[in-house]
Each structure stands twice: as C-alpha cells, then as structure tokens.
Amino acid sequence: MKIETGRGRAYKIASIIILVILAFLFTFPLYWIVTGGFKNGADINATKPIWVPTEWVMNNYDKLMKQRSVPLWEVYLPFGSFFNDGKKILLSAGPEAPAAIRWLINAVLMSVLAMLFTCLTAAMAGYALAKKRFNGRALLFSLIVCAMALPKQVILIPLLKEMSALRLYDSLWAVIFPTVGWPFGVFLMKQFSESIPGEILEAARIDGSSEWNTFSTVVMPMIKPGIGALAIFTFINCWNDYFMQLVMLASGSNFTIPLGIATLQAETSVDNGLLMAGATLAAAPIIIVFLIFQKYFTQGITMGAVKG
C-alpha cells in the first residue's frame, strides 16, 4: 500500500490550486462574453466592471436578430455559372429569416463540410504515405512538411484566382476547398497510421479484402483518436479563418457569423452588448463540437505524445 508523504500531499494540493486558477483564467473571458450579452447598456458601459448583470435582458439578442433579413437558405446549381453567362443558377431559396441565423448556418455548414472532407482525405493520404511503398514517397512527405510552414497569406492570390476561374468565388466552397488539402492533417494522420501493425493489413489482404474495405474497416477504426483530434482542429481552424472568409465571400447572405458580426460593428456605432451577443452565438458551435469529440481529442493528444 502506497503511503502519501507530507511533501507529496503538499505537491498535490499546490497542483490543484494552480489548475483551478488556470481554469478560472481561461474560462473567465467566456463568462464575460456570455453575461455581457444579457447586460443592459448601463452595465456594459459602466466605469467599474459589473461582474453579474444587475438586470438580465434580451435586448442585445433582439437587436442581433432584427439587424437584417435574408433567405434562410439558398441552393445553387454547382458550377452552373459556366452555362449561364457567369450568373449563378438558383435552385431553391428559403423563407426570410434573421441574417444572424443564416450566418450561423453558413458557418456551421462550411466548417462541418471542411471537417468531413479534410478528415477523409488526410486519413487516406496519411495511410498511403505510412504504409504504401512507391517512388517519391519521401520527397512527397518532405514537401508536405515544408508546406506546413508556408503561411496561407502567401498563396492567397493564387487561391483567389483559382476559385474565380472555377466560378466558386463568393460561395462557401471557396472557403471549404482550400481547407481540405491541409498539410498538417496529412502529417498528423501519417503519424497515427505508422502505429498500425503491418501484419493486420497483410491478414486482411490474404482474406481477400479490397483496398477500400481494408481502409474503411481496419485502418479507420484504429486511427479514430487521430481523426477525432483532427476533426476538432479542422473545425476550429475553418471557423476562425476570418481572413480567408473576408477575401472569398462578398455577399451578405453568404457571410459566416464571425464575418457578419464584424460587418455589424463597421455599419453601426460600437454596441458592445450586440457584439457580445453575436460572439456568444459564434462560440456555441465550437464548444458543442469540442464536447462531442473531447474523448477522441484527449486520446489523440495522448497517443501523439508518446510516438517516437
């Protein structure tokens, strides 16, 4: 039986105190934003900070929902502008709704699609680089590692020209497609694929399993923690990529919630309550995604930490 010494007990108590302090420091900005969305103008603009709203109001959210009205959704024919003199072909449009709701839907749809496509392509590329032997494999992986150090701003103009040539400018696809080929995702999934025993893959081939069946039924379950970690990284990266959204999106109906809130700040006088209500709305999906993938994220970070 292990007996805890006085020094060990003191170290444990000090560690708990430090963790509590750090947790408070990291969560306090979120608390301030959430409560700020329910404060009235006097509380927000008070010289002395008001930690708890003296009166819980919904005025800020009411103003956020009444700023603009746009169709709740718009479905265009993919690449339809190629056949319509550069104009998009509208297939369906939803009823009028608050612009903030449309911005939130755009941001969630954009981030979820980017997350799904990135996880799938990165898992396939990482598996191929880790377990397949072909000419130029080492050079290709070296280029991917070098691309990780390349700022996105450097390739922004070529990306903009490419999206314009494909008639995808001012659409969510113009933000999604550049995210899919994320070098970090390929690097991360290669590291996880390295841990797959070759004997298991060989046994699957002997049993007559096709390449796709081996990947989907054998490889994917074994690298699930890495996919969970990559899903969180990709979702947050795409959600917070304000610069790419600012360049690629021009129409107000195609804005995402971070971009839409920034335009509200530019159009009106500084309304901190309105901005905090919008920031709360923008933070909610990120928190939900993290809670869903938290188990896989923790496993992924732990497994990645012990890889040699």
C-alpha atoms as a PDB file:
ATOM      1  CA  MET A   1       0.000   0.000   0.000  1.00  0.00           C
ATOM      2  CA  LYS A   2       1.379   3.349  -1.050  1.00  0.00           C
ATOM      3  CA  ILE A   3       1.531   5.908   1.765  1.00  0.00           C
ATOM      4  CA  GLU A   4       1.342   9.546   0.719  1.00  0.00           C
ATOM      5  CA  THR A   5       4.058  11.652   2.348  1.00  0.00           C
ATOM      6  CA  GLY A   6       3.633  15.202   3.558  1.00  0.00           C
ATOM      7  CA  ARG A   7       5.653  16.538   0.637  1.00  0.00           C
ATOM      8  CA  GLY A   8       3.559  14.566  -1.854  1.00  0.00           C
ATOM      9  CA  ARG A   9       0.326  15.819  -0.274  1.00  0.00           C
ATOM     10  CA  ALA A  10       1.553  19.416  -0.413  1.00  0.00           C
ATOM     11  CA  TYR A  11       2.558  18.998  -4.063  1.00  0.00           C
ATOM     12  CA  LYS A  12      -0.890  17.585  -4.887  1.00  0.00           C
ATOM     13  CA  ILE A  13      -2.698  20.465  -3.139  1.00  0.00           C
ATOM     14  CA  ALA A  14      -0.485  23.060  -4.853  1.00  0.00           C
ATOM     15  CA  SER A  15      -1.138  21.419  -8.239  1.00  0.00           C
ATOM     16  CA  ILE A  16      -4.896  21.518  -7.687  1.00  0.00           C
ATOM     17  CA  ILE A  17      -4.763  25.182  -6.688  1.00  0.00           C
ATOM     18  CA  ILE A  18      -2.709  26.089  -9.774  1.00  0.00           C
ATOM     19  CA  LEU A  19      -5.078  24.155 -12.061  1.00  0.00           C
ATOM     20  CA  VAL A  20      -8.114  25.874 -10.540  1.00  0.00           C
ATOM     21  CA  ILE A  21      -6.520  29.291 -11.039  1.00  0.00           C
ATOM     22  CA  LEU A  22      -5.609  28.487 -14.662  1.00  0.00           C
ATOM     23  CA  ALA A  23      -9.095  27.110 -15.339  1.00  0.00           C
ATOM     24  CA  PHE A  24     -10.609  30.312 -13.959  1.00  0.00           C
ATOM     25  CA  LEU A  25      -8.335  32.497 -16.093  1.00  0.00           C
ATOM     26  CA  PHE A  26      -9.157  30.567 -19.268  1.00  0.00           C
ATOM     27  CA  THR A  27     -12.920  30.418 -18.692  1.00  0.00           C
ATOM     28  CA  PHE A  28     -13.399  33.964 -17.412  1.00  0.00           C
ATOM     29  CA  PRO A  29     -13.363  35.595 -20.900  1.00  0.00           C
ATOM     30  CA  LEU A  30     -16.117  33.192 -21.971  1.00  0.00           C
ATOM     31  CA  TYR A  31     -18.109  34.035 -18.844  1.00  0.00           C
ATOM     32  CA  TRP A  32     -17.645  37.762 -19.507  1.00  0.00           C
ATOM     33  CA  ILE A  33     -18.870  37.439 -23.101  1.00  0.00           C
ATOM     34  CA  VAL A  34     -21.879  35.281 -22.239  1.00  0.00           C
ATOM     35  CA  THR A  35     -23.031  37.510 -19.378  1.00  0.00           C
ATOM     36  CA  GLY A  36     -22.285  40.625 -21.448  1.00  0.00           C
ATOM     37  CA  GLY A  37     -24.897  39.533 -23.973  1.00  0.00           C
ATOM     38  CA  PHE A  38     -27.537  39.764 -21.223  1.00  0.00           C
ATOM     39  CA  LYS A  39     -26.450  43.126 -19.764  1.00  0.00           C
ATOM     40  CA  ASN A  40     -28.126  46.432 -20.400  1.00  0.00           C
ATOM     41  CA  GLY A  41     -26.232  49.432 -21.738  1.00  0.00           C
ATOM     42  CA  ALA A  42     -25.562  50.894 -18.294  1.00  0.00           C
ATOM     43  CA  ASP A  43     -23.909  47.712 -17.030  1.00  0.00           C
ATOM     44  CA  ILE A  44     -21.791  47.250 -20.144  1.00  0.00           C
ATOM     45  CA  ASN A  45     -20.550  50.838 -20.290  1.00  0.00           C
ATOM     46  CA  ALA A  46     -20.087  51.254 -16.528  1.00  0.00           C
ATOM     47  CA  THR A  47     -16.664  52.540 -15.476  1.00  0.00           C
ATOM     48  CA  LYS A  48     -16.483  49.963 -12.697  1.00  0.00           C
ATOM     49  CA  PRO A  49     -16.861  46.395 -14.038  1.00  0.00           C
ATOM     50  CA  ILE A  50     -20.212  44.766 -13.339  1.00  0.00           C
ATOM     51  CA  TRP A  51     -19.387  41.078 -12.821  1.00  0.00           C
ATOM     52  CA  VAL A  52     -23.007  39.907 -12.658  1.00  0.00           C
ATOM     53  CA  PRO A  53     -25.750  41.683 -14.645  1.00  0.00           C
ATOM     54  CA  THR A  54     -27.943  43.792 -12.393  1.00  0.00           C
ATOM     55  CA  GLU A  55     -30.784  43.068 -14.821  1.00  0.00           C
ATOM     56  CA  TRP A  56     -30.879  40.146 -17.264  1.00  0.00           C
ATOM     57  CA  VAL A  57     -32.241  41.438 -20.561  1.00  0.00           C
ATOM     58  CA  MET A  58     -32.663  40.020 -24.077  1.00  0.00           C
ATOM     59  CA  ASN A  59     -32.383  43.353 -25.883  1.00  0.00           C
ATOM     60  CA  ASN A  60     -28.998  42.552 -27.384  1.00  0.00           C
ATOM     61  CA  TYR A  61     -30.222  39.300 -28.917  1.00  0.00           C
ATOM     62  CA  ASP A  62     -33.367  41.031 -30.163  1.00  0.00           C
ATOM     63  CA  LYS A  63     -31.234  43.640 -31.928  1.00  0.00           C
ATOM     64  CA  LEU A  64     -28.993  40.923 -33.356  1.00  0.00           C
ATOM     65  CA  MET A  65     -31.967  39.104 -34.860  1.00  0.00           C
ATOM     66  CA  LYS A  66     -33.505  42.284 -36.274  1.00  0.00           C
ATOM     67  CA  GLN A  67     -30.436  43.751 -37.973  1.00  0.00           C
ATOM     68  CA  ARG A  68     -31.128  42.237 -41.406  1.00  0.00           C
ATOM     69  CA  SER A  69     -33.362  39.700 -43.140  1.00  0.00           C
ATOM     70  CA  VAL A  70     -32.086  37.257 -45.771  1.00  0.00           C
ATOM     71  CA  PRO A  71     -33.329  33.924 -47.191  1.00  0.00           C
ATOM     72  CA  LEU A  72     -32.804  31.153 -44.664  1.00  0.00           C
ATOM     73  CA  TRP A  73     -31.062  29.074 -47.335  1.00  0.00           C
ATOM     74  CA  GLU A  74     -30.127  29.327 -50.985  1.00  0.00           C
ATOM     75  CA  VAL A  75     -29.226  26.305 -53.116  1.00  0.00           C
ATOM     76  CA  TYR A  76     -27.387  26.961 -56.375  1.00  0.00           C
ATOM     77  CA  LEU A  77     -26.548  24.556 -59.181  1.00  0.00           C
ATOM     78  CA  PRO A  78     -22.888  23.529 -58.744  1.00  0.00           C
ATOM     79  CA  PHE A  79     -20.756  25.147 -61.469  1.00  0.00           C
ATOM     80  CA  GLY A  80     -23.984  26.406 -63.044  1.00  0.00           C
ATOM     81  CA  SER A  81     -22.405  29.777 -63.812  1.00  0.00           C
ATOM     82  CA  PHE A  82     -20.340  28.069 -66.523  1.00  0.00           C
ATOM     83  CA  PHE A  83     -23.551  27.622 -68.512  1.00  0.00           C
ATOM     84  CA  ASN A  84     -25.364  30.835 -67.595  1.00  0.00           C
ATOM     85  CA  ASP A  85     -23.015  33.644 -68.670  1.00  0.00           C
ATOM     86  CA  GLY A  86     -21.290  33.770 -65.298  1.00  0.00           C
ATOM     87  CA  LYS A  87     -24.534  34.020 -63.292  1.00  0.00           C
ATOM     88  CA  LYS A  88     -25.448  31.514 -60.606  1.00  0.00           C
ATOM     89  CA  ILE A  89     -28.472  29.263 -61.172  1.00  0.00           C
ATOM     90  CA  LEU A  90     -30.698  29.352 -58.091  1.00  0.00           C
ATOM     91  CA  LEU A  91     -32.477  26.054 -57.401  1.00  0.00           C
ATOM     92  CA  SER A  92     -34.158  26.798 -54.080  1.00  0.00           C
ATOM     93  CA  ALA A  93     -34.481  29.632 -51.571  1.00  0.00           C
ATOM     94  CA  GLY A  94     -35.877  29.517 -48.067  1.00  0.00           C
ATOM     95  CA  PRO A  95     -38.150  31.973 -46.258  1.00  0.00           C
ATOM     96  CA  GLU A  96     -36.878  35.273 -44.923  1.00  0.00           C
ATOM     97  CA  ALA A  97     -35.042  34.908 -41.630  1.00  0.00           C
ATOM     98  CA  PRO A  98     -32.669  36.968 -39.440  1.00  0.00           C
ATOM     99  CA  ALA A  99     -29.276  37.347 -41.064  1.00  0.00           C
ATOM    100  CA  ALA A 100     -27.553  36.118 -37.885  1.00  0.00           C
ATOM    101  CA  ILE A 101     -29.308  32.746 -38.215  1.00  0.00           C
ATOM    102  CA  ARG A 102     -28.250  32.465 -41.868  1.00  0.00           C
ATOM    103  CA  TRP A 103     -24.672  33.428 -40.937  1.00  0.00           C
ATOM    104  CA  LEU A 104     -24.633  30.767 -38.220  1.00  0.00           C
ATOM    105  CA  ILE A 105     -25.950  28.121 -40.638  1.00  0.00           C
ATOM    106  CA  ASN A 106     -23.325  29.134 -43.213  1.00  0.00           C
ATOM    107  CA  ALA A 107     -20.520  28.891 -40.665  1.00  0.00           C
ATOM    108  CA  VAL A 108     -21.658  25.511 -39.332  1.00  0.00           C
ATOM    109  CA  LEU A 109     -22.193  24.086 -42.828  1.00  0.00           C
ATOM    110  CA  MET A 110     -18.828  25.382 -44.036  1.00  0.00           C
ATOM    111  CA  SER A 111     -16.905  24.077 -41.015  1.00  0.00           C
ATOM    112  CA  VAL A 112     -18.644  20.682 -40.932  1.00  0.00           C
ATOM    113  CA  LEU A 113     -18.075  20.020 -44.638  1.00  0.00           C
ATOM    114  CA  ALA A 114     -14.450  21.127 -44.386  1.00  0.00           C
ATOM    115  CA  MET A 115     -14.028  18.882 -41.344  1.00  0.00           C
ATOM    116  CA  LEU A 116     -15.505  15.820 -43.079  1.00  0.00           C
ATOM    117  CA  PHE A 117     -13.583  16.273 -46.339  1.00  0.00           C
ATOM    118  CA  THR A 118     -10.320  17.058 -44.554  1.00  0.00           C
ATOM    119  CA  CYS A 119     -10.539  14.075 -42.209  1.00  0.00           C
ATOM    120  CA  LEU A 120     -11.319  11.715 -45.097  1.00  0.00           C
ATOM    121  CA  THR A 121      -8.630  12.949 -47.487  1.00  0.00           C
ATOM    122  CA  ALA A 122      -6.000  13.342 -44.751  1.00  0.00           C
ATOM    123  CA  ALA A 123      -6.698   9.831 -43.440  1.00  0.00           C
ATOM    124  CA  MET A 124      -6.313   8.327 -46.920  1.00  0.00           C
ATOM    125  CA  ALA A 125      -3.183  10.343 -47.715  1.00  0.00           C
ATOM    126  CA  GLY A 126      -1.616   9.652 -44.316  1.00  0.00           C
ATOM    127  CA  TYR A 127      -2.300   5.926 -44.624  1.00  0.00           C
ATOM    128  CA  ALA A 128      -0.788   5.820 -48.112  1.00  0.00           C
ATOM    129  CA  LEU A 129       2.329   7.683 -47.006  1.00  0.00           C
ATOM    130  CA  ALA A 130       2.766   5.487 -43.938  1.00  0.00           C
ATOM    131  CA  LYS A 131       2.006   2.019 -45.296  1.00  0.00           C
ATOM    132  CA  LYS A 132       2.484   2.132 -49.062  1.00  0.00           C
ATOM    133  CA  ARG A 133       5.811   1.978 -50.811  1.00  0.00           C
ATOM    134  CA  PHE A 134       6.096   3.979 -54.034  1.00  0.00           C
ATOM    135  CA  ASN A 135       8.668   6.122 -55.794  1.00  0.00           C
ATOM    136  CA  GLY A 136       8.871   9.677 -54.485  1.00  0.00           C
ATOM    137  CA  ARG A 137       7.115   8.914 -51.189  1.00  0.00           C
ATOM    138  CA  ALA A 138       9.845  10.513 -49.062  1.00  0.00           C
ATOM    139  CA  LEU A 139      10.031  13.564 -51.326  1.00  0.00           C
ATOM    140  CA  LEU A 140       6.252  13.997 -51.274  1.00  0.00           C
ATOM    141  CA  PHE A 141       6.158  13.820 -47.487  1.00  0.00           C
ATOM    142  CA  SER A 142       9.012  16.330 -47.266  1.00  0.00           C
ATOM    143  CA  LEU A 143       7.062  18.752 -49.448  1.00  0.00           C
ATOM    144  CA  ILE A 144       4.019  18.339 -47.218  1.00  0.00           C
ATOM    145  CA  VAL A 145       6.101  19.106 -44.122  1.00  0.00           C
ATOM    146  CA  CYS A 146       7.555  22.174 -45.843  1.00  0.00           C
ATOM    147  CA  ALA A 147       4.049  23.321 -46.808  1.00  0.00           C
ATOM    148  CA  MET A 148       3.117  23.331 -43.099  1.00  0.00           C
ATOM    149  CA  ALA A 149       5.484  26.276 -42.629  1.00  0.00           C
ATOM    150  CA  LEU A 150       4.006  28.202 -45.560  1.00  0.00           C
ATOM    151  CA  PRO A 151       1.624  30.983 -44.433  1.00  0.00           C
ATOM    152  CA  LYS A 152      -1.740  30.947 -46.151  1.00  0.00           C
ATOM    153  CA  GLN A 153      -1.353  34.629 -46.996  1.00  0.00           C
ATOM    154  CA  VAL A 154       1.475  33.698 -49.392  1.00  0.00           C
ATOM    155  CA  ILE A 155      -0.814  31.579 -51.577  1.00  0.00           C
ATOM    156  CA  LEU A 156      -3.925  33.699 -51.117  1.00  0.00           C
ATOM    157  CA  ILE A 157      -3.753  35.407 -54.530  1.00  0.00           C
ATOM    158  CA  PRO A 158      -3.314  32.111 -56.443  1.00  0.00           C
ATOM    159  CA  LEU A 159      -6.177  30.624 -54.446  1.00  0.00           C
ATOM    160  CA  LEU A 160      -8.379  33.610 -55.218  1.00  0.00           C
ATOM    161  CA  LYS A 161      -7.608  33.344 -58.937  1.00  0.00           C
ATOM    162  CA  GLU A 162      -8.261  29.608 -58.872  1.00  0.00           C
ATOM    163  CA  MET A 163     -11.624  29.971 -57.134  1.00  0.00           C
ATOM    164  CA  SER A 164     -12.600  32.736 -59.558  1.00  0.00           C
ATOM    165  CA  ALA A 165     -11.621  30.582 -62.547  1.00  0.00           C
ATOM    166  CA  LEU A 166     -13.775  27.755 -61.176  1.00  0.00           C
ATOM    167  CA  ARG A 167     -16.674  30.216 -60.676  1.00  0.00           C
ATOM    168  CA  LEU A 168     -16.693  29.427 -56.957  1.00  0.00           C
ATOM    169  CA  TYR A 169     -15.845  32.910 -55.677  1.00  0.00           C
ATOM    170  CA  ASP A 170     -18.421  34.295 -53.223  1.00  0.00           C
ATOM    171  CA  SER A 171     -19.584  30.813 -52.239  1.00  0.00           C
ATOM    172  CA  LEU A 172     -18.862  28.643 -49.227  1.00  0.00           C
ATOM    173  CA  TRP A 173     -16.968  26.221 -51.486  1.00  0.00           C
ATOM    174  CA  ALA A 174     -14.318  28.903 -51.995  1.00  0.00           C
ATOM    175  CA  VAL A 175     -13.509  28.617 -48.281  1.00  0.00           C
ATOM    176  CA  ILE A 176     -14.019  24.852 -47.981  1.00  0.00           C
ATOM    177  CA  PHE A 177     -11.836  23.569 -50.833  1.00  0.00           C
ATOM    178  CA  PRO A 178      -8.592  25.381 -49.807  1.00  0.00           C
ATOM    179  CA  THR A 179      -9.019  23.916 -46.317  1.00  0.00           C
ATOM    180  CA  VAL A 180      -9.378  20.316 -47.485  1.00  0.00           C
ATOM    181  CA  GLY A 181      -5.738  19.942 -48.528  1.00  0.00           C
ATOM    182  CA  TRP A 182      -4.420  20.837 -45.066  1.00  0.00           C
ATOM    183  CA  PRO A 183      -0.764  19.662 -44.790  1.00  0.00           C
ATOM    184  CA  PHE A 184      -0.980  19.396 -41.012  1.00  0.00           C
ATOM    185  CA  GLY A 185      -3.870  16.941 -41.336  1.00  0.00           C
ATOM    186  CA  VAL A 186      -1.863  14.679 -43.638  1.00  0.00           C
ATOM    187  CA  PHE A 187       1.138  14.857 -41.312  1.00  0.00           C
ATOM    188  CA  LEU A 188      -0.979  14.038 -38.248  1.00  0.00           C
ATOM    189  CA  MET A 189      -2.729  11.073 -39.865  1.00  0.00           C
ATOM    190  CA  LYS A 190       0.558   9.692 -41.189  1.00  0.00           C
ATOM    191  CA  GLN A 191       1.919   9.635 -37.654  1.00  0.00           C
ATOM    192  CA  PHE A 192      -1.107   7.704 -36.441  1.00  0.00           C
ATOM    193  CA  SER A 193      -1.051   5.327 -39.412  1.00  0.00           C
ATOM    194  CA  GLU A 194       2.546   4.423 -38.620  1.00  0.00           C
ATOM    195  CA  SER A 195       1.308   2.615 -35.485  1.00  0.00           C
ATOM    196  CA  ILE A 196      -0.883   0.184 -37.477  1.00  0.00           C
ATOM    197  CA  PRO A 197       0.758  -3.280 -37.449  1.00  0.00           C
ATOM    198  CA  GLY A 198       1.586  -4.436 -40.943  1.00  0.00           C
ATOM    199  CA  GLU A 199       0.548  -7.991 -40.023  1.00  0.00           C
ATOM    200  CA  ILE A 200      -3.066  -6.876 -39.637  1.00  0.00           C
ATOM    201  CA  LEU A 201      -3.098  -5.305 -43.100  1.00  0.00           C
ATOM    202  CA  GLU A 202      -1.453  -8.369 -44.598  1.00  0.00           C
ATOM    203  CA  ALA A 203      -4.037 -10.628 -42.956  1.00  0.00           C
ATOM    204  CA  ALA A 204      -6.840  -8.527 -44.430  1.00  0.00           C
ATOM    205  CA  ARG A 205      -5.341  -8.856 -47.909  1.00  0.00           C
ATOM    206  CA  ILE A 206      -4.969 -12.633 -47.514  1.00  0.00           C
ATOM    207  CA  ASP A 207      -8.647 -12.832 -46.568  1.00  0.00           C
ATOM    208  CA  GLY A 208      -9.468 -11.183 -49.898  1.00  0.00           C
ATOM    209  CA  SER A 209     -10.346  -7.741 -48.558  1.00  0.00           C
ATOM    210  CA  SER A 210     -10.226  -4.964 -51.136  1.00  0.00           C
ATOM    211  CA  GLU A 211      -8.065  -1.898 -50.586  1.00  0.00           C
ATOM    212  CA  TRP A 212     -11.050   0.306 -49.775  1.00  0.00           C
ATOM    213  CA  ASN A 213     -12.584  -2.307 -47.471  1.00  0.00           C
ATOM    214  CA  THR A 214      -9.275  -2.677 -45.633  1.00  0.00           C
ATOM    215  CA  PHE A 215      -9.019   1.077 -45.212  1.00  0.00           C
ATOM    216  CA  SER A 216     -12.627   1.573 -44.060  1.00  0.00           C
ATOM    217  CA  THR A 217     -12.973  -1.456 -41.759  1.00  0.00           C
ATOM    218  CA  VAL A 218      -9.433  -1.960 -40.457  1.00  0.00           C
ATOM    219  CA  VAL A 219      -7.492   1.290 -40.731  1.00  0.00           C
ATOM    220  CA  MET A 220     -10.194   3.844 -39.881  1.00  0.00           C
ATOM    221  CA  PRO A 221     -11.196   2.282 -36.508  1.00  0.00           C
ATOM    222  CA  MET A 222      -7.539   2.070 -35.467  1.00  0.00           C
ATOM    223  CA  ILE A 223      -6.814   5.729 -36.190  1.00  0.00           C
ATOM    224  CA  LYS A 224     -10.125   7.002 -34.802  1.00  0.00           C
ATOM    225  CA  PRO A 225      -8.457   9.010 -31.963  1.00  0.00           C
ATOM    226  CA  GLY A 226      -6.342  10.838 -34.532  1.00  0.00           C
ATOM    227  CA  ILE A 227      -9.396  11.550 -36.674  1.00  0.00           C
ATOM    228  CA  GLY A 228     -11.220  12.932 -33.623  1.00  0.00           C
ATOM    229  CA  ALA A 229      -8.329  15.272 -32.831  1.00  0.00           C
ATOM    230  CA  LEU A 230      -8.066  16.346 -36.474  1.00  0.00           C
ATOM    231  CA  ALA A 231     -11.831  16.962 -36.596  1.00  0.00           C
ATOM    232  CA  ILE A 232     -11.597  19.471 -33.759  1.00  0.00           C
ATOM    233  CA  PHE A 233      -8.520  21.157 -35.216  1.00  0.00           C
ATOM    234  CA  THR A 234     -10.130  21.438 -38.657  1.00  0.00           C
ATOM    235  CA  PHE A 235     -13.472  22.723 -37.387  1.00  0.00           C
ATOM    236  CA  ILE A 236     -11.861  25.429 -35.259  1.00  0.00           C
ATOM    237  CA  ASN A 237      -9.351  26.336 -37.967  1.00  0.00           C
ATOM    238  CA  CYS A 238     -12.061  26.766 -40.596  1.00  0.00           C
ATOM    239  CA  TRP A 239     -14.446  28.543 -38.207  1.00  0.00           C
ATOM    240  CA  ASN A 240     -11.806  31.072 -37.125  1.00  0.00           C
ATOM    241  CA  ASP A 241     -10.250  31.622 -40.574  1.00  0.00           C
ATOM    242  CA  TYR A 242     -11.573  35.161 -40.745  1.00  0.00           C
ATOM    243  CA  PHE A 243      -9.013  36.308 -43.303  1.00  0.00           C
ATOM    244  CA  MET A 244      -9.964  33.639 -45.865  1.00  0.00           C
ATOM    245  CA  GLN A 245     -13.676  34.296 -45.333  1.00  0.00           C
ATOM    246  CA  LEU A 246     -13.149  38.035 -45.762  1.00  0.00           C
ATOM    247  CA  VAL A 247     -11.387  37.549 -49.093  1.00  0.00           C
ATOM    248  CA  MET A 248     -13.548  34.777 -50.572  1.00  0.00           C
ATOM    249  CA  LEU A 249     -17.039  35.934 -49.500  1.00  0.00           C
ATOM    250  CA  ALA A 250     -18.628  39.132 -50.770  1.00  0.00           C
ATOM    251  CA  SER A 251     -22.426  38.786 -50.489  1.00  0.00           C
ATOM    252  CA  GLY A 252     -24.060  39.434 -47.147  1.00  0.00           C
ATOM    253  CA  SER A 253     -26.177  36.285 -47.458  1.00  0.00           C
ATOM    254  CA  ASN A 254     -23.004  34.181 -47.766  1.00  0.00           C
ATOM    255  CA  PHE A 255     -21.281  35.660 -44.730  1.00  0.00           C
ATOM    256  CA  THR A 256     -20.379  33.476 -41.768  1.00  0.00           C
ATOM    257  CA  ILE A 257     -21.139  34.500 -38.203  1.00  0.00           C
ATOM    258  CA  PRO A 258     -17.608  35.856 -37.442  1.00  0.00           C
ATOM    259  CA  LEU A 259     -17.612  37.878 -40.665  1.00  0.00           C
ATOM    260  CA  GLY A 260     -21.196  39.030 -40.208  1.00  0.00           C
ATOM    261  CA  ILE A 261     -20.576  40.303 -36.689  1.00  0.00           C
ATOM    262  CA  ALA A 262     -17.544  42.232 -37.921  1.00  0.00           C
ATOM    263  CA  THR A 263     -19.705  43.941 -40.568  1.00  0.00           C
ATOM    264  CA  LEU A 264     -22.271  44.869 -37.938  1.00  0.00           C
ATOM    265  CA  GLN A 265     -19.539  46.564 -35.941  1.00  0.00           C
ATOM    266  CA  ALA A 266     -18.474  48.514 -39.030  1.00  0.00           C
ATOM    267  CA  GLU A 267     -22.008  49.534 -40.008  1.00  0.00           C
ATOM    268  CA  THR A 268     -23.238  50.755 -36.636  1.00  0.00           C
ATOM    269  CA  SER A 269     -21.764  52.657 -33.758  1.00  0.00           C
ATOM    270  CA  VAL A 270     -19.896  50.458 -31.308  1.00  0.00           C
ATOM    271  CA  ASP A 271     -22.542  48.430 -29.466  1.00  0.00           C
ATOM    272  CA  ASN A 272     -20.698  46.146 -27.063  1.00  0.00           C
ATOM    273  CA  GLY A 273     -23.860  44.350 -25.989  1.00  0.00           C
ATOM    274  CA  LEU A 274     -24.702  43.489 -29.592  1.00  0.00           C
ATOM    275  CA  LEU A 275     -21.144  42.294 -30.248  1.00  0.00           C
ATOM    276  CA  MET A 276     -21.108  40.125 -27.125  1.00  0.00           C
ATOM    277  CA  ALA A 277     -24.428  38.554 -28.074  1.00  0.00           C
ATOM    278  CA  GLY A 278     -23.020  37.751 -31.502  1.00  0.00           C
ATOM    279  CA  ALA A 279     -19.793  36.397 -30.007  1.00  0.00           C
ATOM    280  CA  THR A 280     -21.797  34.129 -27.700  1.00  0.00           C
ATOM    281  CA  LEU A 281     -23.753  32.809 -30.682  1.00  0.00           C
ATOM    282  CA  ALA A 282     -20.481  32.239 -32.565  1.00  0.00           C
ATOM    283  CA  ALA A 283     -18.806  30.406 -29.674  1.00  0.00           C
ATOM    284  CA  ALA A 284     -21.624  27.929 -29.037  1.00  0.00           C
ATOM    285  CA  PRO A 285     -20.939  25.553 -32.000  1.00  0.00           C
ATOM    286  CA  ILE A 286     -17.210  25.350 -31.180  1.00  0.00           C
ATOM    287  CA  ILE A 287     -17.988  24.351 -27.590  1.00  0.00           C
ATOM    288  CA  ILE A 288     -20.505  21.738 -28.781  1.00  0.00           C
ATOM    289  CA  VAL A 289     -18.043  20.205 -31.260  1.00  0.00           C
ATOM    290  CA  PHE A 290     -15.318  20.058 -28.611  1.00  0.00           C
ATOM    291  CA  LEU A 291     -17.653  18.320 -26.146  1.00  0.00           C
ATOM    292  CA  ILE A 292     -18.653  15.756 -28.796  1.00  0.00           C
ATOM    293  CA  PHE A 293     -15.071  14.917 -29.812  1.00  0.00           C
ATOM    294  CA  GLN A 294     -13.443  15.517 -26.425  1.00  0.00           C
ATOM    295  CA  LYS A 295     -12.776  11.814 -25.751  1.00  0.00           C
ATOM    296  CA  TYR A 296     -11.097  11.277 -29.115  1.00  0.00           C
ATOM    297  CA  PHE A 297      -9.235  14.570 -28.815  1.00  0.00           C
ATOM    298  CA  THR A 298      -7.744  13.548 -25.457  1.00  0.00           C
ATOM    299  CA  GLN A 299      -6.816  10.102 -26.764  1.00  0.00           C
ATOM    300  CA  GLY A 300      -5.283  11.615 -29.877  1.00  0.00           C
ATOM    301  CA  ILE A 301      -3.115  14.064 -27.962  1.00  0.00           C
ATOM    302  CA  THR A 302      -2.014  11.324 -25.541  1.00  0.00           C
ATOM    303  CA  MET A 303      -1.158   8.846 -28.297  1.00  0.00           C
ATOM    304  CA  GLY A 304       0.632  11.519 -30.306  1.00  0.00           C
ATOM    305  CA  ALA A 305       2.721  12.494 -27.291  1.00  0.00           C
ATOM    306  CA  VAL A 306       4.289   9.054 -26.906  1.00  0.00           C
ATOM    307  CA  LYS A 307       5.137   8.464 -30.561  1.00  0.00           C
ATOM    308  CA  GLY A 308       8.785   8.285 -31.370  1.00  0.00           C
END
